[in-house]
Amino acid sequence: MARFGSNSSEGWLGLLLLILFSTGLLLTQRDNARERRTSAMLAGDVQAPVAAWLGQPFRKLEQALADADESRRALEENRALRRELVALRADNDRLTAARNRQKRLEALLAVELTGDIPDERIAARAVSDVSSPFVRSLLIGSGRDAGVRDGYAVISESGLVGHVVSAGRQSARVLRLDDLNSRVAVASDRSGARAILIGTNTDIPVLAFVADTERWAVGDRVVTSGDDGRLPQGLPVGTVTDGDPLTVRLDFHAEPVDWVFVLPFAGLVDADDPELDDVDLDAAEETTETETAPPVDGGASGEAGTQTAEAPDGAG
C-alpha cells in the first residue's frame, strides 16, 4: 500500500511538471511568433521604399521604350497617311478633270441634268389595305386634293414601293412591286440590260423577258428603266439575288413601310389616244372662248353705239 501511494504521488508530480513545461513552451513559442511577425513587418517597411527607389530607373526605361515604340508606330501611320493623301489627290484631280469633261459634253449634247426623277415629293402615311382586290397593296393618306394621281410612283426611304392605281380625294391605293399584278420595266445599273420585274405575291419577284441574260449577274443593282413611260428612270428597286431564274430582293423590304413619298411624274401618253385629243380640243375651245368673248361693259357700249348709228338712217 505504501508503495502504491508513492507511485501515485510520483505520477501526479510528473503530470504537473509536464503541464508546467507545456505552458512554458506555449508562452515561449507565442513570444517567438510575435517577434517573427514584428521582424517581418519591419523588414517589409524597410524593403518597400528601397525596392521602389531601386525600381525607378527600370520603370523609366520601360516607359521610354514604350514611348519610342508608340512614336515609331505613329511615324509609320503618318507616312502611310501621307502616301494615301497623295494618291487621293491624284484621284481627285482625275475626277475633277472627268467631271469638267462631262459637263462640257452634257452642255454640247444638251443633256438634261436633272433626269426624270422629279424634285417634288408628296409625303403620306401608309397602311396595309386589307380591302383591296390586290394581295399586296397599301393605302396612303393623300389623294387628289394633295396632288396624287393614278400612275404616280411611290417610294420609301429605302427604294421604290410601287405605283398609285386608284386615287381618291383624300386617299389612294398603291400596288406594291411584289404583287402578282405588278409589271415594272427595270434595268441593271451596271450593264444597262433591260427586263420586266414581275411580282409573285412573295417577297422575291422575278425578272422576265430578259433578252440578254449574260449581261445580268448576281449582285447587280436594279433600277427603273423608264421604258414603260409610266415611272421615272433611275428609281432604286433592289438587288439581283439568284440567276436561275433571275430574282430580285426589293429594297423597300429592308424597313417597315410607315411613311412614303409620292413622285408627281407625268408619264408618256399615246399620241393617237382619242381621249387625249378630246381633252386638248376642249381645252383649246375653252381658251378660244375666253380670249374672244367681249367684256360685258364693252358689249353694252357696242350695242348702244350701233343703235345710235342706225337711228339717223331710220329717220332719213
Protein backbone atom coordinates (compact mmCIF):
# COMPACT_ATOMS: atom_id res chain seq x y z
CA MET A 1 0.00 0.00 0.00
CA ALA A 2 2.76 2.40 0.87
CA ARG A 3 4.38 1.65 -2.50
CA PHE A 4 1.17 2.27 -4.35
CA GLY A 5 0.76 5.64 -2.67
CA SER A 6 4.32 6.55 -3.53
CA ASN A 7 3.76 5.72 -7.22
CA SER A 8 0.59 7.79 -7.26
CA SER A 9 2.38 10.81 -5.83
CA GLU A 10 5.13 10.46 -8.39
CA GLY A 11 2.53 10.28 -11.21
CA TRP A 12 0.80 13.41 -10.10
CA LEU A 13 4.11 15.17 -9.77
CA GLY A 14 5.15 14.12 -13.29
CA LEU A 15 1.83 15.28 -14.73
CA LEU A 16 2.23 18.63 -13.00
CA LEU A 17 5.72 19.03 -14.40
CA LEU A 18 4.50 18.21 -17.94
CA ILE A 19 1.74 20.81 -17.64
CA LEU A 20 4.18 23.43 -16.46
CA PHE A 21 6.61 22.53 -19.24
CA SER A 22 3.89 22.71 -21.90
CA THR A 23 2.70 26.06 -20.61
CA GLY A 24 6.21 27.38 -20.75
CA LEU A 25 6.62 26.14 -24.31
CA LEU A 26 3.36 27.79 -25.38
CA LEU A 27 4.35 31.09 -23.87
CA THR A 28 7.79 30.90 -25.39
CA GLN A 29 6.54 29.99 -28.90
CA ARG A 30 3.89 32.72 -28.76
CA ASP A 31 6.51 35.33 -28.00
CA ASN A 32 8.71 33.95 -30.77
CA ALA A 33 5.82 34.13 -33.27
CA ARG A 34 5.06 37.71 -32.28
CA GLU A 35 8.71 38.58 -32.64
CA ARG A 36 8.87 36.92 -36.07
CA ARG A 37 5.80 38.85 -37.25
CA THR A 38 7.22 42.06 -35.94
CA SER A 39 10.53 41.39 -37.63
CA ALA A 40 8.80 40.63 -40.95
CA MET A 41 6.81 43.85 -40.78
CA LEU A 42 9.92 45.86 -40.00
CA ALA A 43 11.73 44.21 -42.89
CA GLY A 44 8.82 44.97 -45.22
CA ASP A 45 8.71 48.59 -44.12
CA VAL A 46 12.39 48.94 -44.86
CA GLN A 47 12.33 46.92 -48.11
CA ALA A 48 9.36 48.67 -49.78
CA PRO A 49 10.89 52.14 -50.19
CA VAL A 50 14.27 50.65 -51.06
CA ALA A 51 12.69 48.48 -53.77
CA ALA A 52 10.68 51.45 -55.07
CA TRP A 53 13.82 53.59 -55.26
CA LEU A 54 15.80 50.85 -56.97
CA GLY A 55 12.93 50.20 -59.47
CA GLN A 56 12.60 53.81 -60.63
CA PRO A 57 15.29 53.58 -63.33
CA PHE A 58 13.78 50.38 -64.71
CA ARG A 59 10.29 51.90 -64.81
CA LYS A 60 11.59 54.99 -66.58
CA LEU A 61 13.44 52.82 -69.06
CA GLU A 62 10.30 50.78 -69.70
CA GLN A 63 8.24 53.96 -70.23
CA ALA A 64 10.90 55.33 -72.57
CA LEU A 65 10.83 52.13 -74.64
CA ALA A 66 7.02 52.25 -74.79
CA ASP A 67 7.10 55.89 -75.89
CA ALA A 68 9.69 55.07 -78.52
CA ASP A 69 7.56 52.20 -79.86
CA GLU A 70 4.46 54.43 -79.91
CA SER A 71 6.40 57.14 -81.73
CA ARG A 72 7.60 54.59 -84.28
CA ARG A 73 4.03 53.38 -84.94
CA ALA A 74 2.78 56.97 -85.20
CA LEU A 75 5.54 57.76 -87.68
CA GLU A 76 4.66 54.72 -89.81
CA GLU A 77 0.97 55.64 -89.75
CA ASN A 78 1.82 59.22 -90.68
CA ARG A 79 3.87 58.03 -93.64
CA ALA A 80 1.03 55.72 -94.74
CA LEU A 81 -1.49 58.58 -94.46
CA ARG A 82 0.78 60.83 -96.49
CA ARG A 83 1.04 58.21 -99.25
CA GLU A 84 -2.75 57.78 -99.18
CA LEU A 85 -3.22 61.55 -99.30
CA VAL A 86 -1.00 61.79 -102.37
CA ALA A 87 -2.99 59.01 -104.07
CA LEU A 88 -6.31 60.65 -103.13
CA ARG A 89 -5.14 63.98 -104.50
CA ALA A 90 -4.26 62.31 -107.78
CA ASP A 91 -7.69 60.60 -107.86
CA ASN A 92 -9.36 63.91 -107.05
CA ASP A 93 -7.54 65.61 -109.91
CA ARG A 94 -8.66 62.87 -112.29
CA LEU A 95 -12.25 63.06 -111.04
CA THR A 96 -12.27 66.84 -111.37
CA ALA A 97 -10.99 66.60 -114.93
CA ALA A 98 -13.57 63.91 -115.74
CA ARG A 99 -16.34 65.99 -114.17
CA ASN A 100 -15.39 69.05 -116.18
CA ARG A 101 -15.21 66.99 -119.36
CA GLN A 102 -18.64 65.51 -118.57
CA LYS A 103 -20.11 68.99 -118.07
CA ARG A 104 -18.71 70.13 -121.41
CA LEU A 105 -20.13 67.08 -123.18
CA GLU A 106 -23.51 67.50 -121.48
CA ALA A 107 -23.60 71.13 -122.49
CA LEU A 108 -22.61 70.18 -126.05
CA LEU A 109 -25.29 67.46 -126.29
CA ALA A 110 -27.90 69.48 -124.34
CA VAL A 111 -28.38 66.64 -121.88
CA GLU A 112 -30.99 67.16 -119.17
CA LEU A 113 -29.03 67.07 -115.92
CA THR A 114 -31.95 66.53 -113.55
CA GLY A 115 -33.22 63.37 -115.24
CA ASP A 116 -36.75 62.03 -114.95
CA ILE A 117 -36.94 61.91 -111.14
CA PRO A 118 -38.95 64.95 -110.01
CA ASP A 119 -37.77 67.07 -107.11
CA GLU A 120 -41.30 67.48 -105.72
CA ARG A 121 -42.46 64.82 -103.28
CA ILE A 122 -45.77 64.31 -101.53
CA ALA A 123 -45.42 62.68 -98.10
CA ALA A 124 -48.15 60.31 -96.98
CA ARG A 125 -48.88 57.84 -94.19
CA ALA A 126 -49.12 54.24 -95.45
CA VAL A 127 -51.12 51.34 -94.00
CA SER A 128 -51.95 47.85 -95.23
CA ASP A 129 -55.00 47.72 -97.47
CA VAL A 130 -56.90 44.55 -96.50
CA SER A 131 -59.98 45.51 -98.52
CA SER A 132 -58.06 45.81 -101.76
CA PRO A 133 -58.65 43.36 -104.63
CA PHE A 134 -54.86 43.02 -104.78
CA VAL A 135 -52.98 40.70 -102.45
CA ARG A 136 -50.21 43.17 -101.68
CA SER A 137 -51.21 46.82 -101.67
CA LEU A 138 -51.07 49.90 -99.49
CA LEU A 139 -53.49 52.64 -98.61
CA ILE A 140 -51.90 56.09 -98.27
CA GLY A 141 -53.39 59.13 -96.60
CA SER A 142 -53.02 61.54 -99.54
CA GLY A 143 -55.21 61.80 -102.62
CA ARG A 144 -56.18 64.11 -105.42
CA ASP A 145 -56.52 67.05 -103.06
CA ALA A 146 -52.80 66.73 -102.32
CA GLY A 147 -51.84 66.30 -105.98
CA VAL A 148 -51.75 62.48 -106.13
CA ARG A 149 -52.77 60.97 -109.48
CA ASP A 150 -53.05 57.48 -110.90
CA GLY A 151 -49.73 56.05 -112.06
CA TYR A 152 -47.51 58.16 -109.79
CA ALA A 153 -44.50 56.33 -108.34
CA VAL A 154 -44.46 55.69 -104.58
CA ILE A 155 -41.11 55.32 -102.82
CA SER A 156 -39.94 54.83 -99.25
CA GLU A 157 -36.65 55.79 -97.64
CA SER A 158 -35.16 52.52 -98.96
CA GLY A 159 -36.48 52.32 -102.51
CA LEU A 160 -39.42 52.01 -104.87
CA VAL A 161 -42.58 50.56 -103.29
CA GLY A 162 -44.97 50.61 -106.23
CA HIS A 163 -47.30 52.99 -108.04
CA VAL A 164 -50.73 54.52 -107.49
CA VAL A 165 -53.53 52.52 -109.11
CA SER A 166 -56.51 54.41 -107.71
CA ALA A 167 -56.55 57.95 -106.30
CA GLY A 168 -59.44 59.34 -104.28
CA ARG A 169 -59.83 62.82 -102.87
CA GLN A 170 -58.02 62.17 -99.59
CA SER A 171 -56.52 58.70 -100.04
CA ALA A 172 -55.03 56.48 -102.71
CA ARG A 173 -54.34 52.81 -103.29
CA VAL A 174 -50.80 51.71 -104.11
CA LEU A 175 -49.93 48.48 -105.93
CA ARG A 176 -46.70 47.11 -104.49
CA LEU A 177 -43.89 45.67 -106.60
CA ASP A 178 -44.28 42.22 -105.07
CA ASP A 179 -47.96 41.88 -106.03
CA LEU A 180 -48.81 39.37 -108.74
CA ASN A 181 -50.37 42.12 -110.90
CA SER A 182 -47.28 44.36 -110.83
CA ARG A 183 -45.25 44.79 -114.00
CA VAL A 184 -42.40 47.33 -113.99
CA ALA A 185 -39.71 47.97 -116.61
CA VAL A 186 -36.29 47.77 -114.95
CA ALA A 187 -32.63 47.74 -115.90
CA SER A 188 -29.28 46.70 -114.47
CA ASP A 189 -27.45 49.72 -113.13
CA ARG A 190 -24.14 48.04 -114.02
CA SER A 191 -24.71 46.86 -117.59
CA GLY A 192 -27.89 48.65 -118.63
CA ALA A 193 -29.59 45.35 -119.55
CA ARG A 194 -33.39 45.58 -119.68
CA ALA A 195 -36.08 43.33 -118.22
CA ILE A 196 -39.56 43.35 -116.71
CA LEU A 197 -39.93 42.93 -112.95
CA ILE A 198 -42.95 40.72 -112.23
CA GLY A 199 -44.44 40.32 -108.76
CA THR A 200 -45.12 36.83 -107.44
CA ASN A 201 -47.11 37.56 -104.24
CA THR A 202 -43.90 36.69 -102.36
CA ASP A 203 -41.02 38.78 -101.09
CA ILE A 204 -38.89 37.81 -104.13
CA PRO A 205 -40.19 38.97 -107.55
CA VAL A 206 -38.62 37.68 -110.75
CA LEU A 207 -37.18 39.21 -113.91
CA ALA A 208 -38.91 38.20 -117.13
CA PHE A 209 -38.49 38.97 -120.85
CA VAL A 210 -34.71 39.05 -120.41
CA ALA A 211 -33.16 39.05 -123.87
CA ASP A 212 -29.52 39.32 -122.74
CA THR A 213 -29.22 37.08 -119.71
CA GLU A 214 -25.42 37.11 -119.84
CA ARG A 215 -25.44 40.82 -119.01
CA TRP A 216 -27.15 40.16 -115.70
CA ALA A 217 -25.21 38.94 -112.65
CA VAL A 218 -25.94 38.24 -109.01
CA GLY A 219 -25.41 41.42 -107.02
CA ASP A 220 -26.45 43.82 -109.79
CA ARG A 221 -28.36 46.88 -108.64
CA VAL A 222 -31.80 47.04 -110.25
CA VAL A 223 -33.35 50.41 -111.10
CA THR A 224 -36.36 51.53 -113.12
CA SER A 225 -35.55 51.89 -116.80
CA GLY A 226 -38.41 54.22 -117.72
CA ASP A 227 -39.10 52.13 -120.85
CA ASP A 228 -42.75 51.72 -119.88
CA GLY A 229 -43.24 55.51 -119.90
CA ARG A 230 -45.05 55.41 -116.55
CA LEU A 231 -42.28 55.61 -113.94
CA PRO A 232 -39.21 57.85 -113.81
CA GLN A 233 -35.88 56.41 -114.83
CA GLY A 234 -33.32 55.54 -112.14
CA LEU A 235 -35.50 54.78 -109.11
CA PRO A 236 -33.81 52.15 -106.88
CA VAL A 237 -35.65 48.83 -106.92
CA GLY A 238 -33.46 46.09 -105.43
CA THR A 239 -30.58 43.65 -105.94
CA VAL A 240 -30.33 40.51 -108.06
CA THR A 241 -30.05 37.53 -105.67
CA ASP A 242 -30.18 34.48 -107.96
CA GLY A 243 -29.52 33.72 -111.58
CA ASP A 244 -31.85 30.80 -112.37
CA PRO A 245 -34.35 32.34 -112.62
CA LEU A 246 -33.29 35.93 -112.04
CA THR A 247 -34.83 37.06 -108.78
CA VAL A 248 -34.65 40.43 -107.03
CA ARG A 249 -34.52 41.33 -103.35
CA LEU A 250 -36.54 44.53 -103.05
CA ASP A 251 -35.01 47.47 -101.21
CA PHE A 252 -38.20 48.61 -99.51
CA HIS A 253 -38.40 45.30 -97.64
CA ALA A 254 -35.40 46.38 -95.55
CA GLU A 255 -37.59 48.53 -93.25
CA PRO A 256 -41.28 48.68 -92.33
CA VAL A 257 -43.22 50.92 -94.71
CA ASP A 258 -44.81 53.57 -92.48
CA TRP A 259 -44.28 56.76 -94.47
CA VAL A 260 -43.92 57.00 -98.23
CA PHE A 261 -43.35 59.71 -100.83
CA VAL A 262 -45.40 60.11 -103.99
CA LEU A 263 -43.46 61.40 -107.01
CA PRO A 264 -45.57 63.54 -109.36
CA PHE A 265 -44.37 62.28 -112.72
CA ALA A 266 -46.28 62.83 -115.95
CA GLY A 267 -45.64 59.68 -117.92
CA LEU A 268 -45.70 59.44 -121.68
CA VAL A 269 -49.14 59.28 -123.27
CA ASP A 270 -50.01 57.73 -126.61
CA ALA A 271 -50.30 60.50 -129.19
CA ASP A 272 -53.06 58.56 -131.02
CA ASP A 273 -55.21 58.29 -127.89
CA PRO A 274 -58.64 59.77 -128.80
CA GLU A 275 -59.25 60.76 -125.20
CA LEU A 276 -56.12 62.89 -125.28
CA ASP A 277 -57.33 64.58 -128.48
CA ASP A 278 -60.71 65.30 -126.89
CA VAL A 279 -59.12 66.84 -123.85
CA ASP A 280 -56.85 69.02 -125.95
CA LEU A 281 -59.75 70.18 -128.15
CA ASP A 282 -61.91 71.03 -125.17
CA ALA A 283 -59.09 72.95 -123.58
CA ALA A 284 -58.46 74.80 -126.84
CA GLU A 285 -62.16 75.69 -127.23
CA GLU A 286 -62.35 76.98 -123.66
CA THR A 287 -59.23 79.05 -124.24
CA THR A 288 -60.60 80.44 -127.54
CA GLU A 289 -63.95 81.37 -126.00
CA THR A 290 -62.23 83.08 -123.10
CA GLU A 291 -59.96 85.09 -125.38
CA THR A 292 -62.67 86.16 -127.93
CA ALA A 293 -65.58 86.81 -125.57
CA PRO A 294 -66.02 90.61 -125.21
CA PRO A 295 -66.41 92.11 -121.76
CA VAL A 296 -69.93 92.90 -120.53
CA ASP A 297 -69.40 96.65 -120.41
CA GLY A 298 -67.81 96.70 -123.83
CA GLY A 299 -70.73 94.71 -125.28
CA ALA A 300 -73.29 97.08 -123.84
CA SER A 301 -71.49 100.12 -125.14
CA GLY A 302 -71.11 98.45 -128.52
CA GLU A 303 -74.85 97.77 -128.80
CA ALA A 304 -75.63 101.34 -127.78
CA GLY A 305 -73.24 102.65 -130.36
CA THR A 306 -74.89 100.53 -133.06
CA GLN A 307 -78.35 101.80 -132.21
CA THR A 308 -77.10 105.38 -132.25
CA ALA A 309 -75.52 104.87 -135.62
CA GLU A 310 -78.63 103.27 -137.13
CA ALA A 311 -81.02 105.90 -135.80
CA PRO A 312 -80.24 108.54 -138.39
CA ASP A 313 -80.71 106.04 -141.21
CA GLY A 314 -84.13 105.11 -139.93
CA ALA A 315 -85.06 108.72 -139.57
CA GLY A 316 -83.86 109.55 -143.03
